[in-house]
């Protein structure tokens, strides 16, 4: 499996190792491949390709 991470204002595809899964909340633990503090894309970001320029905004 992989995730999209934002680094240097662009997206990059990163391989990850998954751990525990919670079927109730649909959350999945990532045990390796990213670091604490990395910004990951999720949900509606599925159509974004590696190298796409992005800007991080604040929560609304």
PDB file of N, CA and C in Angstrom:
ATOM      1  N   UNK A   1       0.822  -1.205   0.000  1.00  0.00           N
ATOM      2  CA  UNK A   1       0.000   0.000   0.000  1.00  0.00           C
ATOM      3  C   UNK A   1       0.860   1.260   0.000  1.00  0.00           C
ATOM      4  N   UNK A   2       0.250   2.364  -0.355  1.00  0.00           N
ATOM      5  CA  UNK A   2       0.979   3.624  -0.417  1.00  0.00           C
ATOM      6  C   UNK A   2       0.061   4.776  -0.025  1.00  0.00           C
ATOM      7  N   UNK A   3       0.677   5.913   0.277  1.00  0.00           N
ATOM      8  CA  UNK A   3      -0.049   7.146   0.587  1.00  0.00           C
ATOM      9  C   UNK A   3       0.593   8.275  -0.202  1.00  0.00           C
ATOM     10  N   UNK A   4      -0.129   9.389  -0.291  1.00  0.00           N
ATOM     11  CA  UNK A   4       0.417  10.590  -0.912  1.00  0.00           C
ATOM     12  C   UNK A   4       0.816  11.546   0.200  1.00  0.00           C
ATOM     13  N   UNK A   5       2.081  11.964   0.173  1.00  0.00           N
ATOM     14  CA  UNK A   5       2.632  12.869   1.180  1.00  0.00           C
ATOM     15  C   UNK A   5       2.967  14.190   0.497  1.00  0.00           C
ATOM     16  N   UNK A   6       2.825  15.285   1.243  1.00  0.00           N
ATOM     17  CA  UNK A   6       3.226  16.594   0.734  1.00  0.00           C
ATOM     18  C   UNK A   6       4.632  16.882   1.246  1.00  0.00           C
ATOM     19  N   UNK A   7       5.534  17.156   0.317  1.00  0.00           N
ATOM     20  CA  UNK A   7       6.921  17.478   0.670  1.00  0.00           C
ATOM     21  C   UNK A   7       7.428  18.519  -0.314  1.00  0.00           C
ATOM     22  N   UNK A   8       7.914  19.628   0.195  1.00  0.00           N
ATOM     23  CA  UNK A   8       8.453  20.673  -0.664  1.00  0.00           C
ATOM     24  C   UNK A   8       7.418  21.290  -1.589  1.00  0.00           C
ATOM     25  N   UNK A   9       6.151  21.325  -1.151  1.00  0.00           N
ATOM     26  CA  UNK A   9       5.099  21.935  -1.953  1.00  0.00           C
ATOM     27  C   UNK A   9       4.555  21.070  -3.071  1.00  0.00           C
ATOM     28  N   UNK A  10       4.967  19.795  -3.110  1.00  0.00           N
ATOM     29  CA  UNK A  10       4.476  18.864  -4.130  1.00  0.00           C
ATOM     30  C   UNK A  10       4.099  17.543  -3.475  1.00  0.00           C
ATOM     31  N   UNK A  11       3.280  16.776  -4.189  1.00  0.00           N
ATOM     32  CA  UNK A  11       2.893  15.467  -3.673  1.00  0.00           C
ATOM     33  C   UNK A  11       3.916  14.417  -4.085  1.00  0.00           C
ATOM     34  N   UNK A  12       4.061  13.397  -3.235  1.00  0.00           N
ATOM     35  CA  UNK A  12       4.916  12.262  -3.569  1.00  0.00           C
ATOM     36  C   UNK A  12       4.256  10.989  -3.060  1.00  0.00           C
ATOM     37  N   UNK A  13       4.408   9.928  -3.831  1.00  0.00           N
ATOM     38  CA  UNK A  13       3.844   8.627  -3.484  1.00  0.00           C
ATOM     39  C   UNK A  13       4.846   7.893  -2.595  1.00  0.00           C
ATOM     40  N   UNK A  14       4.381   7.417  -1.427  1.00  0.00           N
ATOM     41  CA  UNK A  14       5.260   6.779  -0.452  1.00  0.00           C
ATOM     42  C   UNK A  14       4.696   5.408  -0.071  1.00  0.00           C
ATOM     43  N   UNK A  15       5.515   4.367  -0.174  1.00  0.00           N
ATOM     44  CA  UNK A  15       5.096   3.035   0.267  1.00  0.00           C
ATOM     45  C   UNK A  15       5.046   2.992   1.785  1.00  0.00           C
ATOM     46  N   UNK A  16       4.019   2.338   2.333  1.00  0.00           N
ATOM     47  CA  UNK A  16       3.857   2.239   3.781  1.00  0.00           C
ATOM     48  C   UNK A  16       3.557   0.803   4.183  1.00  0.00           C
ATOM     49  N   UNK A  17       3.800   0.515   5.458  1.00  0.00           N
ATOM     50  CA  UNK A  17       3.418  -0.756   6.058  1.00  0.00           C
ATOM     51  C   UNK A  17       2.272  -0.477   7.013  1.00  0.00           C
ATOM     52  N   UNK A  18       1.189  -1.245   6.874  1.00  0.00           N
ATOM     53  CA  UNK A  18       0.012  -1.035   7.712  1.00  0.00           C
ATOM     54  C   UNK A  18       0.031  -1.946   8.925  1.00  0.00           C
ATOM     55  N   UNK A  19      -0.598  -1.473  10.001  1.00  0.00           N
ATOM     56  CA  UNK A  19      -0.696  -2.240  11.236  1.00  0.00           C
ATOM     57  C   UNK A  19      -2.147  -2.513  11.575  1.00  0.00           C
ATOM     58  N   UNK A  20      -2.560  -2.077  12.749  1.00  0.00           N
ATOM     59  CA  UNK A  20      -3.904  -2.341  13.239  1.00  0.00           C
ATOM     60  C   UNK A  20      -4.962  -1.609  12.425  1.00  0.00           C
ATOM     61  N   UNK A  21      -6.138  -2.244  12.324  1.00  0.00           N
ATOM     62  CA  UNK A  21      -7.286  -1.642  11.635  1.00  0.00           C
ATOM     63  C   UNK A  21      -8.464  -1.627  12.588  1.00  0.00           C
ATOM     64  N   UNK A  22      -9.222  -0.541  12.558  1.00  0.00           N
ATOM     65  CA  UNK A  22     -10.436  -0.434  13.365  1.00  0.00           C
ATOM     66  C   UNK A  22     -11.622  -0.437  12.409  1.00  0.00           C
ATOM     67  N   UNK A  23     -12.346  -1.562  12.311  1.00  0.00           N
ATOM     68  CA  UNK A  23     -13.456  -1.634  11.364  1.00  0.00           C
ATOM     69  C   UNK A  23     -14.603  -0.676  11.701  1.00  0.00           C
ATOM     70  N   UNK A  24     -14.717  -0.296  12.952  1.00  0.00           N
ATOM     71  CA  UNK A  24     -15.787   0.615  13.360  1.00  0.00           C
ATOM     72  C   UNK A  24     -15.550   2.019  12.822  1.00  0.00           C
ATOM     73  N   UNK A  25     -14.328   2.521  12.944  1.00  0.00           N
ATOM     74  CA  UNK A  25     -14.018   3.884  12.495  1.00  0.00           C
ATOM     75  C   UNK A  25     -13.354   3.918  11.121  1.00  0.00           C
ATOM     76  N   UNK A  26     -12.989   2.749  10.595  1.00  0.00           N
ATOM     77  CA  UNK A  26     -12.284   2.615   9.318  1.00  0.00           C
ATOM     78  C   UNK A  26     -10.911   3.280   9.343  1.00  0.00           C
ATOM     79  N   UNK A  27     -10.322   3.405  10.518  1.00  0.00           N
ATOM     80  CA  UNK A  27      -8.958   3.943  10.637  1.00  0.00           C
ATOM     81  C   UNK A  27      -7.955   2.804  10.527  1.00  0.00           C
ATOM     82  N   UNK A  28      -6.788   3.126   9.956  1.00  0.00           N
ATOM     83  CA  UNK A  28      -5.726   2.143   9.777  1.00  0.00           C
ATOM     84  C   UNK A  28      -4.431   2.744  10.301  1.00  0.00           C
ATOM     85  N   UNK A  29      -3.697   1.961  11.065  1.00  0.00           N
ATOM     86  CA  UNK A  29      -2.414   2.399  11.607  1.00  0.00           C
ATOM     87  C   UNK A  29      -1.331   2.230  10.543  1.00  0.00           C
ATOM     88  N   UNK A  30      -0.488   3.243  10.372  1.00  0.00           N
ATOM     89  CA  UNK A  30       0.685   3.148   9.501  1.00  0.00           C
ATOM     90  C   UNK A  30       1.885   2.934  10.410  1.00  0.00           C
ATOM     91  N   UNK A  31       2.564   1.794  10.263  1.00  0.00           N
ATOM     92  CA  UNK A  31       3.668   1.473  11.171  1.00  0.00           C
ATOM     93  C   UNK A  31       5.040   1.829  10.602  1.00  0.00           C
ATOM     94  N   UNK A  32       5.143   2.019   9.292  1.00  0.00           N
ATOM     95  CA  UNK A  32       6.411   2.478   8.726  1.00  0.00           C
ATOM     96  C   UNK A  32       6.176   3.095   7.355  1.00  0.00           C
ATOM     97  N   UNK A  33       7.119   3.933   6.951  1.00  0.00           N
ATOM     98  CA  UNK A  33       7.071   4.570   5.641  1.00  0.00           C
ATOM     99  C   UNK A  33       6.903   6.073   5.704  1.00  0.00           C
ATOM    100  N   UNK A  34       6.306   6.575   6.787  1.00  0.00           N
ATOM    101  CA  UNK A  34       6.150   8.020   6.985  1.00  0.00           C
ATOM    102  C   UNK A  34       6.597   8.359   8.397  1.00  0.00           C
ATOM    103  N   UNK A  35       6.818   9.643   8.630  1.00  0.00           N
ATOM    104  CA  UNK A  35       7.277  10.103   9.938  1.00  0.00           C
ATOM    105  C   UNK A  35       6.199  10.933  10.620  1.00  0.00           C
ATOM    106  N   UNK A  36       6.253  10.972  11.939  1.00  0.00           N
ATOM    107  CA  UNK A  36       5.345  11.826  12.684  1.00  0.00           C
ATOM    108  C   UNK A  36       5.523  13.259  12.192  1.00  0.00           C
ATOM    109  N   UNK A  37       4.427  13.936  11.923  1.00  0.00           N
ATOM    110  CA  UNK A  37       4.481  15.303  11.430  1.00  0.00           C
ATOM    111  C   UNK A  37       4.372  15.420   9.918  1.00  0.00           C
ATOM    112  N   UNK A  38       4.555  14.310   9.181  1.00  0.00           N
ATOM    113  CA  UNK A  38       4.360  14.352   7.729  1.00  0.00           C
ATOM    114  C   UNK A  38       2.910  14.722   7.430  1.00  0.00           C
ATOM    115  N   UNK A  39       2.690  15.441   6.350  1.00  0.00           N
ATOM    116  CA  UNK A  39       1.335  15.807   5.937  1.00  0.00           C
ATOM    117  C   UNK A  39       0.918  14.858   4.823  1.00  0.00           C
ATOM    118  N   UNK A  40      -0.168  14.120   5.064  1.00  0.00           N
ATOM    119  CA  UNK A  40      -0.663  13.136   4.109  1.00  0.00           C
ATOM    120  C   UNK A  40      -1.986  13.590   3.521  1.00  0.00           C
ATOM    121  N   UNK A  41      -2.214  13.231   2.261  1.00  0.00           N
ATOM    122  CA  UNK A  41      -3.500  13.502   1.625  1.00  0.00           C
ATOM    123  C   UNK A  41      -4.424  12.324   1.878  1.00  0.00           C
ATOM    124  N   UNK A  42      -5.724  12.606   1.964  1.00  0.00           N
ATOM    125  CA  UNK A  42      -6.687  11.531   2.163  1.00  0.00           C
ATOM    126  C   UNK A  42      -8.019  11.911   1.538  1.00  0.00           C
ATOM    127  N   UNK A  43      -8.917  10.958   1.466  1.00  0.00           N
ATOM    128  CA  UNK A  43     -10.273  11.221   0.995  1.00  0.00           C
ATOM    129  C   UNK A  43     -10.338  11.689  -0.448  1.00  0.00           C
ATOM    130  N   UNK A  44     -10.839  12.899  -0.656  1.00  0.00           N
ATOM    131  CA  UNK A  44     -11.083  13.429  -1.999  1.00  0.00           C
ATOM    132  C   UNK A  44      -9.804  13.650  -2.799  1.00  0.00           C
ATOM    133  N   UNK A  45      -8.656  13.476  -2.208  1.00  0.00           N
ATOM    134  CA  UNK A  45      -7.377  13.696  -2.892  1.00  0.00           C
ATOM    135  C   UNK A  45      -6.959  12.501  -3.744  1.00  0.00           C
ATOM    136  N   UNK A  46      -7.822  11.517  -3.906  1.00  0.00           N
ATOM    137  CA  UNK A  46      -7.450  10.292  -4.602  1.00  0.00           C
ATOM    138  C   UNK A  46      -7.026  10.498  -6.049  1.00  0.00           C
ATOM    139  N   UNK A  47      -7.511  11.536  -6.726  1.00  0.00           N
ATOM    140  CA  UNK A  47      -7.166  11.746  -8.123  1.00  0.00           C
ATOM    141  C   UNK A  47      -5.874  12.516  -8.344  1.00  0.00           C
ATOM    142  N   UNK A  48      -5.192  12.899  -7.295  1.00  0.00           N
ATOM    143  CA  UNK A  48      -3.959  13.685  -7.419  1.00  0.00           C
ATOM    144  C   UNK A  48      -2.782  12.760  -7.714  1.00  0.00           C
ATOM    145  N   UNK A  49      -1.928  13.165  -8.650  1.00  0.00           N
ATOM    146  CA  UNK A  49      -0.788  12.344  -9.039  1.00  0.00           C
ATOM    147  C   UNK A  49       0.499  12.862  -8.399  1.00  0.00           C
ATOM    148  N   UNK A  50       1.521  11.997  -8.282  1.00  0.00           N
ATOM    149  CA  UNK A  50       2.796  12.440  -7.724  1.00  0.00           C
ATOM    150  C   UNK A  50       3.362  13.619  -8.517  1.00  0.00           C
ATOM    151  N   UNK A  51       3.914  14.595  -7.793  1.00  0.00           N
ATOM    152  CA  UNK A  51       4.506  15.767  -8.418  1.00  0.00           C
ATOM    153  C   UNK A  51       3.554  16.939  -8.569  1.00  0.00           C
ATOM    154  N   UNK A  52       2.283  16.745  -8.192  1.00  0.00           N
ATOM    155  CA  UNK A  52       1.305  17.825  -8.287  1.00  0.00           C
ATOM    156  C   UNK A  52       1.628  18.911  -7.265  1.00  0.00           C
ATOM    157  N   UNK A  53       1.740  20.172  -7.687  1.00  0.00           N
ATOM    158  CA  UNK A  53       1.974  21.252  -6.720  1.00  0.00           C
ATOM    159  C   UNK A  53       0.747  21.430  -5.821  1.00  0.00           C
ATOM    160  N   UNK A  54       0.979  21.609  -4.527  1.00  0.00           N
ATOM    161  CA  UNK A  54      -0.113  21.804  -3.571  1.00  0.00           C
ATOM    162  C   UNK A  54       0.272  22.876  -2.558  1.00  0.00           C
ATOM    163  N   UNK A  55      -0.743  23.477  -1.965  1.00  0.00           N
ATOM    164  CA  UNK A  55      -0.547  24.429  -0.873  1.00  0.00           C
ATOM    165  C   UNK A  55      -1.371  23.936   0.299  1.00  0.00           C
ATOM    166  N   UNK A  56      -0.802  23.968   1.485  1.00  0.00           N
ATOM    167  CA  UNK A  56      -1.493  23.504   2.683  1.00  0.00           C
ATOM    168  C   UNK A  56      -2.214  24.689   3.311  1.00  0.00           C
ATOM    169  N   UNK A  57      -3.518  24.517   3.548  1.00  0.00           N
ATOM    170  CA  UNK A  57      -4.314  25.570   4.176  1.00  0.00           C
ATOM    171  C   UNK A  57      -4.667  25.190   5.595  1.00  0.00           C
ATOM    172  N   UNK A  58      -5.204  26.135   6.343  1.00  0.00           N
ATOM    173  CA  UNK A  58      -5.614  25.882   7.718  1.00  0.00           C
ATOM    174  C   UNK A  58      -6.957  25.187   7.777  1.00  0.00           C
ATOM    175  N   UNK A  59      -7.261  24.590   8.922  1.00  0.00           N
ATOM    176  CA  UNK A  59      -8.546  23.924   9.141  1.00  0.00           C
ATOM    177  C   UNK A  59      -9.655  24.961   9.186  1.00  0.00           C
ATOM    178  N   UNK A  60     -10.832  24.574   8.712  1.00  0.00           N
ATOM    179  CA  UNK A  60     -11.992  25.482   8.717  1.00  0.00           C
ATOM    180  C   UNK A  60     -13.021  25.015   9.707  1.00  0.00           C
TER     181      UNK A  60
END
